[in-house]
Amino acid sequence: MAFAPRRLRDQSGQAAVELVAAIPFILLAGLLAWQLALTGHTAWLCANAARVAARAEAVGRDPRVAARSALPSGMERGLEVERRRSGGVQVHIRVPLLVHSWHGPVSLSAAASLGGPRR
């Protein structure tokens, strides 16, 4: 029976070491999930900004101002709005990296139009 307590004593710190070794992977998985959520949110905001800009263009207003008003201030910096020849607008937004003030090299775009092409 003297063997069992020694065996337990040898493994007493193993769980703590395994936890410390797993913490970077847990943090990396959390950061990756957050980045994916930011990318999805950016895609939704881009589509909404395109619809708002198309609506503004249909009533004779500036689509750039309308698209900018549909975005949070941190996303306005990477905004590009193009009027398409076939009618409607296309909006490009750069995807933020983990913090809204950092923008990555990837951008998303969405197009919207109301009605047919203008004549």
N, C-alpha and C. Protein backbone atom coordinates (compact mmCIF):
# COMPACT_ATOMS: atom_id res chain seq x y z
N MET A 1 0.79 -1.20 0.00
CA MET A 1 0.00 0.00 0.00
C MET A 1 0.83 1.26 0.00
N ALA A 2 2.09 1.18 0.33
CA ALA A 2 2.95 2.35 0.33
C ALA A 2 3.19 2.85 -1.09
N PHE A 3 2.93 1.98 -2.06
CA PHE A 3 3.17 2.35 -3.46
C PHE A 3 2.12 3.35 -3.98
N ALA A 4 0.87 3.23 -3.57
CA ALA A 4 -0.21 4.08 -4.07
C ALA A 4 -0.03 5.55 -3.71
N PRO A 5 0.29 5.94 -2.48
CA PRO A 5 0.46 7.36 -2.19
C PRO A 5 1.62 7.98 -2.97
N ARG A 6 2.69 7.22 -3.19
CA ARG A 6 3.82 7.76 -3.96
C ARG A 6 3.41 8.00 -5.40
N ARG A 7 2.60 7.10 -5.96
CA ARG A 7 2.13 7.24 -7.33
C ARG A 7 1.26 8.49 -7.48
N LEU A 8 0.39 8.72 -6.53
CA LEU A 8 -0.45 9.92 -6.56
C LEU A 8 0.39 11.19 -6.41
N ARG A 9 1.41 11.12 -5.58
CA ARG A 9 2.28 12.27 -5.38
C ARG A 9 3.04 12.65 -6.66
N ASP A 10 3.42 11.66 -7.46
CA ASP A 10 4.17 11.92 -8.69
C ASP A 10 3.32 12.63 -9.74
N GLN A 11 2.01 12.45 -9.72
CA GLN A 11 1.13 13.02 -10.74
C GLN A 11 0.35 14.23 -10.24
N SER A 12 0.67 14.74 -9.09
CA SER A 12 -0.12 15.82 -8.50
C SER A 12 -0.07 17.11 -9.29
N GLY A 13 1.00 17.44 -9.98
CA GLY A 13 1.10 18.69 -10.73
C GLY A 13 0.81 18.54 -12.21
N GLN A 14 0.46 17.35 -12.66
CA GLN A 14 0.25 17.11 -14.08
C GLN A 14 -0.92 17.91 -14.64
N ALA A 15 -2.01 17.98 -13.92
CA ALA A 15 -3.19 18.71 -14.40
C ALA A 15 -2.89 20.20 -14.55
N ALA A 16 -2.13 20.75 -13.62
CA ALA A 16 -1.78 22.17 -13.72
C ALA A 16 -0.89 22.45 -14.92
N VAL A 17 0.04 21.56 -15.19
CA VAL A 17 0.92 21.73 -16.35
C VAL A 17 0.13 21.61 -17.64
N GLU A 18 -0.78 20.67 -17.71
CA GLU A 18 -1.61 20.51 -18.91
C GLU A 18 -2.50 21.72 -19.14
N LEU A 19 -3.02 22.28 -18.07
CA LEU A 19 -3.86 23.47 -18.20
C LEU A 19 -3.04 24.65 -18.72
N VAL A 20 -1.86 24.85 -18.18
CA VAL A 20 -1.01 25.95 -18.63
C VAL A 20 -0.61 25.76 -20.09
N ALA A 21 -0.38 24.53 -20.50
CA ALA A 21 -0.02 24.26 -21.89
C ALA A 21 -1.21 24.48 -22.83
N ALA A 22 -2.43 24.29 -22.35
CA ALA A 22 -3.61 24.43 -23.21
C ALA A 22 -4.11 25.86 -23.32
N ILE A 23 -3.73 26.74 -22.41
CA ILE A 23 -4.24 28.12 -22.41
C ILE A 23 -3.97 28.85 -23.73
N PRO A 24 -2.78 28.78 -24.34
CA PRO A 24 -2.59 29.49 -25.62
C PRO A 24 -3.53 29.00 -26.72
N PHE A 25 -3.80 27.71 -26.76
CA PHE A 25 -4.70 27.17 -27.78
C PHE A 25 -6.14 27.61 -27.54
N ILE A 26 -6.53 27.68 -26.29
CA ILE A 26 -7.88 28.16 -25.95
C ILE A 26 -8.02 29.63 -26.34
N LEU A 27 -7.00 30.43 -26.06
CA LEU A 27 -7.04 31.85 -26.44
C LEU A 27 -7.06 32.01 -27.95
N LEU A 28 -6.28 31.21 -28.66
CA LEU A 28 -6.25 31.28 -30.12
C LEU A 28 -7.61 30.93 -30.72
N ALA A 29 -8.25 29.90 -30.18
CA ALA A 29 -9.58 29.52 -30.66
C ALA A 29 -10.60 30.64 -30.38
N GLY A 30 -10.49 31.29 -29.24
CA GLY A 30 -11.39 32.40 -28.93
C GLY A 30 -11.17 33.59 -29.86
N LEU A 31 -9.91 33.91 -30.14
CA LEU A 31 -9.62 35.01 -31.06
C LEU A 31 -10.09 34.71 -32.47
N LEU A 32 -9.94 33.47 -32.91
CA LEU A 32 -10.41 33.08 -34.24
C LEU A 32 -11.94 33.18 -34.32
N ALA A 33 -12.62 32.75 -33.28
CA ALA A 33 -14.09 32.86 -33.26
C ALA A 33 -14.52 34.33 -33.29
N TRP A 34 -13.82 35.19 -32.56
CA TRP A 34 -14.14 36.61 -32.55
C TRP A 34 -13.93 37.22 -33.94
N GLN A 35 -12.82 36.84 -34.62
CA GLN A 35 -12.55 37.36 -35.96
C GLN A 35 -13.63 36.91 -36.94
N LEU A 36 -14.07 35.68 -36.84
CA LEU A 36 -15.15 35.21 -37.71
C LEU A 36 -16.45 35.97 -37.45
N ALA A 37 -16.72 36.27 -36.20
CA ALA A 37 -17.92 37.05 -35.87
C ALA A 37 -17.80 38.47 -36.44
N LEU A 38 -16.62 39.07 -36.36
CA LEU A 38 -16.42 40.41 -36.93
C LEU A 38 -16.59 40.40 -38.45
N THR A 39 -16.11 39.35 -39.10
CA THR A 39 -16.25 39.25 -40.55
C THR A 39 -17.72 39.12 -40.94
N GLY A 40 -18.47 38.31 -40.22
CA GLY A 40 -19.90 38.19 -40.50
C GLY A 40 -20.65 39.48 -40.26
N HIS A 41 -20.30 40.18 -39.19
CA HIS A 41 -20.94 41.46 -38.89
C HIS A 41 -20.61 42.49 -39.97
N THR A 42 -19.37 42.47 -40.46
CA THR A 42 -18.97 43.39 -41.53
C THR A 42 -19.74 43.10 -42.81
N ALA A 43 -19.95 41.83 -43.12
CA ALA A 43 -20.72 41.48 -44.32
C ALA A 43 -22.16 41.98 -44.20
N TRP A 44 -22.75 41.84 -43.02
CA TRP A 44 -24.12 42.33 -42.81
C TRP A 44 -24.17 43.84 -42.93
N LEU A 45 -23.20 44.54 -42.33
CA LEU A 45 -23.17 46.01 -42.42
C LEU A 45 -22.95 46.47 -43.86
N CYS A 46 -22.13 45.75 -44.61
CA CYS A 46 -21.87 46.12 -46.00
C CYS A 46 -23.14 46.00 -46.84
N ALA A 47 -23.87 44.92 -46.67
CA ALA A 47 -25.13 44.75 -47.41
C ALA A 47 -26.14 45.82 -47.03
N ASN A 48 -26.21 46.16 -45.77
CA ASN A 48 -27.13 47.21 -45.34
C ASN A 48 -26.72 48.57 -45.91
N ALA A 49 -25.43 48.87 -45.90
CA ALA A 49 -24.96 50.14 -46.45
C ALA A 49 -25.24 50.21 -47.95
N ALA A 50 -25.13 49.09 -48.66
CA ALA A 50 -25.44 49.09 -50.09
C ALA A 50 -26.93 49.36 -50.32
N ARG A 51 -27.79 48.76 -49.52
CA ARG A 51 -29.24 49.03 -49.67
C ARG A 51 -29.58 50.49 -49.37
N VAL A 52 -28.97 51.03 -48.33
CA VAL A 52 -29.22 52.44 -47.98
C VAL A 52 -28.72 53.36 -49.09
N ALA A 53 -27.55 53.06 -49.64
CA ALA A 53 -27.00 53.89 -50.72
C ALA A 53 -27.85 53.79 -51.98
N ALA A 54 -28.35 52.60 -52.30
CA ALA A 54 -29.22 52.44 -53.48
C ALA A 54 -30.52 53.21 -53.29
N ARG A 55 -31.06 53.17 -52.08
CA ARG A 55 -32.29 53.92 -51.80
C ARG A 55 -32.05 55.42 -51.96
N ALA A 56 -30.90 55.89 -51.47
CA ALA A 56 -30.58 57.32 -51.59
C ALA A 56 -30.40 57.71 -53.05
N GLU A 57 -29.75 56.87 -53.83
CA GLU A 57 -29.56 57.19 -55.24
C GLU A 57 -30.89 57.21 -55.98
N ALA A 58 -31.81 56.34 -55.61
CA ALA A 58 -33.12 56.29 -56.28
C ALA A 58 -33.92 57.56 -56.06
N VAL A 59 -33.70 58.26 -54.94
CA VAL A 59 -34.44 59.49 -54.69
C VAL A 59 -33.61 60.74 -54.97
N GLY A 60 -32.44 60.55 -55.60
CA GLY A 60 -31.64 61.69 -56.01
C GLY A 60 -30.68 62.23 -54.97
N ARG A 61 -30.37 61.48 -53.95
CA ARG A 61 -29.42 61.92 -52.91
C ARG A 61 -28.05 61.29 -53.17
N ASP A 62 -27.07 61.73 -52.41
CA ASP A 62 -25.71 61.22 -52.56
C ASP A 62 -25.59 59.83 -51.90
N PRO A 63 -25.28 58.78 -52.67
CA PRO A 63 -25.19 57.44 -52.08
C PRO A 63 -23.99 57.28 -51.13
N ARG A 64 -22.93 58.05 -51.34
CA ARG A 64 -21.76 57.95 -50.46
C ARG A 64 -22.10 58.42 -49.04
N VAL A 65 -22.81 59.52 -48.96
CA VAL A 65 -23.20 60.05 -47.66
C VAL A 65 -24.17 59.08 -46.97
N ALA A 66 -25.10 58.52 -47.74
CA ALA A 66 -26.07 57.59 -47.17
C ALA A 66 -25.39 56.32 -46.67
N ALA A 67 -24.46 55.77 -47.45
CA ALA A 67 -23.75 54.55 -47.03
C ALA A 67 -22.92 54.83 -45.78
N ARG A 68 -22.29 55.99 -45.74
CA ARG A 68 -21.48 56.35 -44.56
C ARG A 68 -22.35 56.48 -43.32
N SER A 69 -23.56 56.99 -43.49
CA SER A 69 -24.45 57.15 -42.33
C SER A 69 -24.96 55.81 -41.81
N ALA A 70 -24.91 54.77 -42.63
CA ALA A 70 -25.40 53.45 -42.21
C ALA A 70 -24.34 52.62 -41.50
N LEU A 71 -23.12 53.15 -41.39
CA LEU A 71 -22.02 52.41 -40.78
C LEU A 71 -21.58 53.03 -39.46
N PRO A 72 -21.04 52.22 -38.55
CA PRO A 72 -20.43 52.79 -37.35
C PRO A 72 -19.19 53.59 -37.74
N SER A 73 -18.82 54.54 -36.92
CA SER A 73 -17.70 55.44 -37.27
C SER A 73 -16.40 54.70 -37.50
N GLY A 74 -16.16 53.58 -36.84
CA GLY A 74 -14.92 52.84 -37.03
C GLY A 74 -14.82 52.16 -38.38
N MET A 75 -15.93 51.95 -39.05
CA MET A 75 -15.94 51.27 -40.35
C MET A 75 -15.92 52.25 -41.53
N GLU A 76 -16.12 53.52 -41.26
CA GLU A 76 -16.22 54.49 -42.34
C GLU A 76 -14.90 54.69 -43.08
N ARG A 77 -13.78 54.46 -42.39
CA ARG A 77 -12.49 54.73 -42.99
C ARG A 77 -12.21 53.88 -44.23
N GLY A 78 -12.62 52.62 -44.22
CA GLY A 78 -12.36 51.73 -45.35
C GLY A 78 -13.49 51.67 -46.36
N LEU A 79 -14.40 52.63 -46.33
CA LEU A 79 -15.58 52.60 -47.18
C LEU A 79 -15.29 53.13 -48.58
N GLU A 80 -15.77 52.39 -49.59
CA GLU A 80 -15.74 52.86 -50.98
C GLU A 80 -17.11 52.61 -51.56
N VAL A 81 -17.66 53.61 -52.23
CA VAL A 81 -18.98 53.48 -52.87
C VAL A 81 -18.82 53.80 -54.34
N GLU A 82 -19.28 52.88 -55.19
CA GLU A 82 -19.20 53.07 -56.65
C GLU A 82 -20.60 53.05 -57.23
N ARG A 83 -20.83 53.96 -58.16
CA ARG A 83 -22.09 53.90 -58.92
C ARG A 83 -21.85 52.98 -60.11
N ARG A 84 -22.75 52.04 -60.30
CA ARG A 84 -22.60 51.08 -61.40
C ARG A 84 -23.29 51.62 -62.65
N ARG A 85 -22.75 51.28 -63.78
CA ARG A 85 -23.33 51.75 -65.05
C ARG A 85 -24.72 51.19 -65.27
N SER A 86 -24.95 49.98 -64.80
CA SER A 86 -26.25 49.35 -64.98
C SER A 86 -27.29 49.85 -63.98
N GLY A 87 -26.90 50.78 -63.13
CA GLY A 87 -27.79 51.29 -62.10
C GLY A 87 -27.46 50.67 -60.76
N GLY A 88 -27.75 51.36 -59.73
CA GLY A 88 -27.46 50.86 -58.40
C GLY A 88 -26.05 51.24 -57.94
N VAL A 89 -25.65 50.72 -56.83
CA VAL A 89 -24.35 51.04 -56.25
C VAL A 89 -23.67 49.76 -55.77
N GLN A 90 -22.37 49.86 -55.62
CA GLN A 90 -21.59 48.79 -55.02
C GLN A 90 -20.76 49.39 -53.89
N VAL A 91 -20.81 48.75 -52.74
CA VAL A 91 -20.13 49.24 -51.54
C VAL A 91 -19.03 48.26 -51.16
N HIS A 92 -17.84 48.78 -50.86
CA HIS A 92 -16.70 47.97 -50.41
C HIS A 92 -16.32 48.43 -49.01
N ILE A 93 -16.13 47.48 -48.09
CA ILE A 93 -15.71 47.78 -46.73
C ILE A 93 -14.57 46.84 -46.36
N ARG A 94 -13.52 47.39 -45.77
CA ARG A 94 -12.41 46.55 -45.30
C ARG A 94 -12.80 45.88 -43.99
N VAL A 95 -12.45 44.62 -43.86
CA VAL A 95 -12.78 43.84 -42.66
C VAL A 95 -11.84 44.23 -41.53
N PRO A 96 -12.37 44.59 -40.37
CA PRO A 96 -11.50 44.92 -39.24
C PRO A 96 -10.84 43.67 -38.66
N LEU A 97 -9.68 43.86 -38.07
CA LEU A 97 -8.96 42.76 -37.43
C LEU A 97 -9.08 42.88 -35.92
N LEU A 98 -9.92 42.08 -35.30
CA LEU A 98 -10.11 41.97 -33.86
C LEU A 98 -10.48 43.25 -33.15
N VAL A 99 -9.93 44.35 -33.55
CA VAL A 99 -10.26 45.65 -32.96
C VAL A 99 -10.73 46.50 -34.13
N HIS A 100 -11.79 47.25 -33.96
CA HIS A 100 -12.37 48.02 -35.08
C HIS A 100 -11.40 49.05 -35.66
N SER A 101 -10.39 49.46 -34.91
CA SER A 101 -9.47 50.47 -35.45
C SER A 101 -8.40 49.85 -36.35
N TRP A 102 -8.22 48.53 -36.32
CA TRP A 102 -7.26 47.85 -37.20
C TRP A 102 -8.02 47.28 -38.38
N HIS A 103 -7.57 47.56 -39.59
CA HIS A 103 -8.22 47.02 -40.78
C HIS A 103 -7.24 46.13 -41.51
N GLY A 104 -7.70 44.99 -41.94
CA GLY A 104 -6.87 44.04 -42.65
C GLY A 104 -6.90 44.27 -44.14
N PRO A 105 -6.21 43.42 -44.87
CA PRO A 105 -6.14 43.56 -46.34
C PRO A 105 -7.39 43.05 -47.05
N VAL A 106 -8.28 42.36 -46.34
CA VAL A 106 -9.47 41.77 -46.95
C VAL A 106 -10.61 42.78 -46.92
N SER A 107 -11.31 42.89 -48.05
CA SER A 107 -12.49 43.75 -48.06
C SER A 107 -13.67 42.96 -48.59
N LEU A 108 -14.84 43.35 -48.14
CA LEU A 108 -16.08 42.74 -48.59
C LEU A 108 -16.84 43.75 -49.43
N SER A 109 -17.65 43.26 -50.35
CA SER A 109 -18.44 44.19 -51.15
C SER A 109 -19.86 43.66 -51.28
N ALA A 110 -20.76 44.58 -51.49
CA ALA A 110 -22.17 44.26 -51.72
C ALA A 110 -22.72 45.25 -52.71
N ALA A 111 -23.61 44.78 -53.54
CA ALA A 111 -24.24 45.64 -54.54
C ALA A 111 -25.74 45.64 -54.32
N ALA A 112 -26.36 46.76 -54.63
CA ALA A 112 -27.82 46.88 -54.51
C ALA A 112 -28.33 47.89 -55.54
N SER A 113 -29.53 47.66 -55.99
CA SER A 113 -30.17 48.61 -56.90
C SER A 113 -31.67 48.55 -56.67
N LEU A 114 -32.32 49.64 -56.96
CA LEU A 114 -33.77 49.71 -56.88
C LEU A 114 -34.28 50.00 -58.27
N GLY A 115 -35.03 49.08 -58.79
CA GLY A 115 -35.56 49.27 -60.13
C GLY A 115 -34.54 48.88 -61.19
N GLY A 116 -34.89 49.14 -62.43
CA GLY A 116 -34.02 48.82 -63.56
C GLY A 116 -32.99 49.90 -63.80
N PRO A 117 -32.19 49.76 -64.84
CA PRO A 117 -31.19 50.77 -65.15
C PRO A 117 -31.82 52.09 -65.60
N ARG A 118 -31.17 53.17 -65.26
CA ARG A 118 -31.68 54.51 -65.65
C ARG A 118 -31.47 54.74 -67.13
N ARG A 119 -32.38 55.50 -67.71
CA ARG A 119 -32.25 55.80 -69.13
C ARG A 119 -32.15 57.27 -69.35
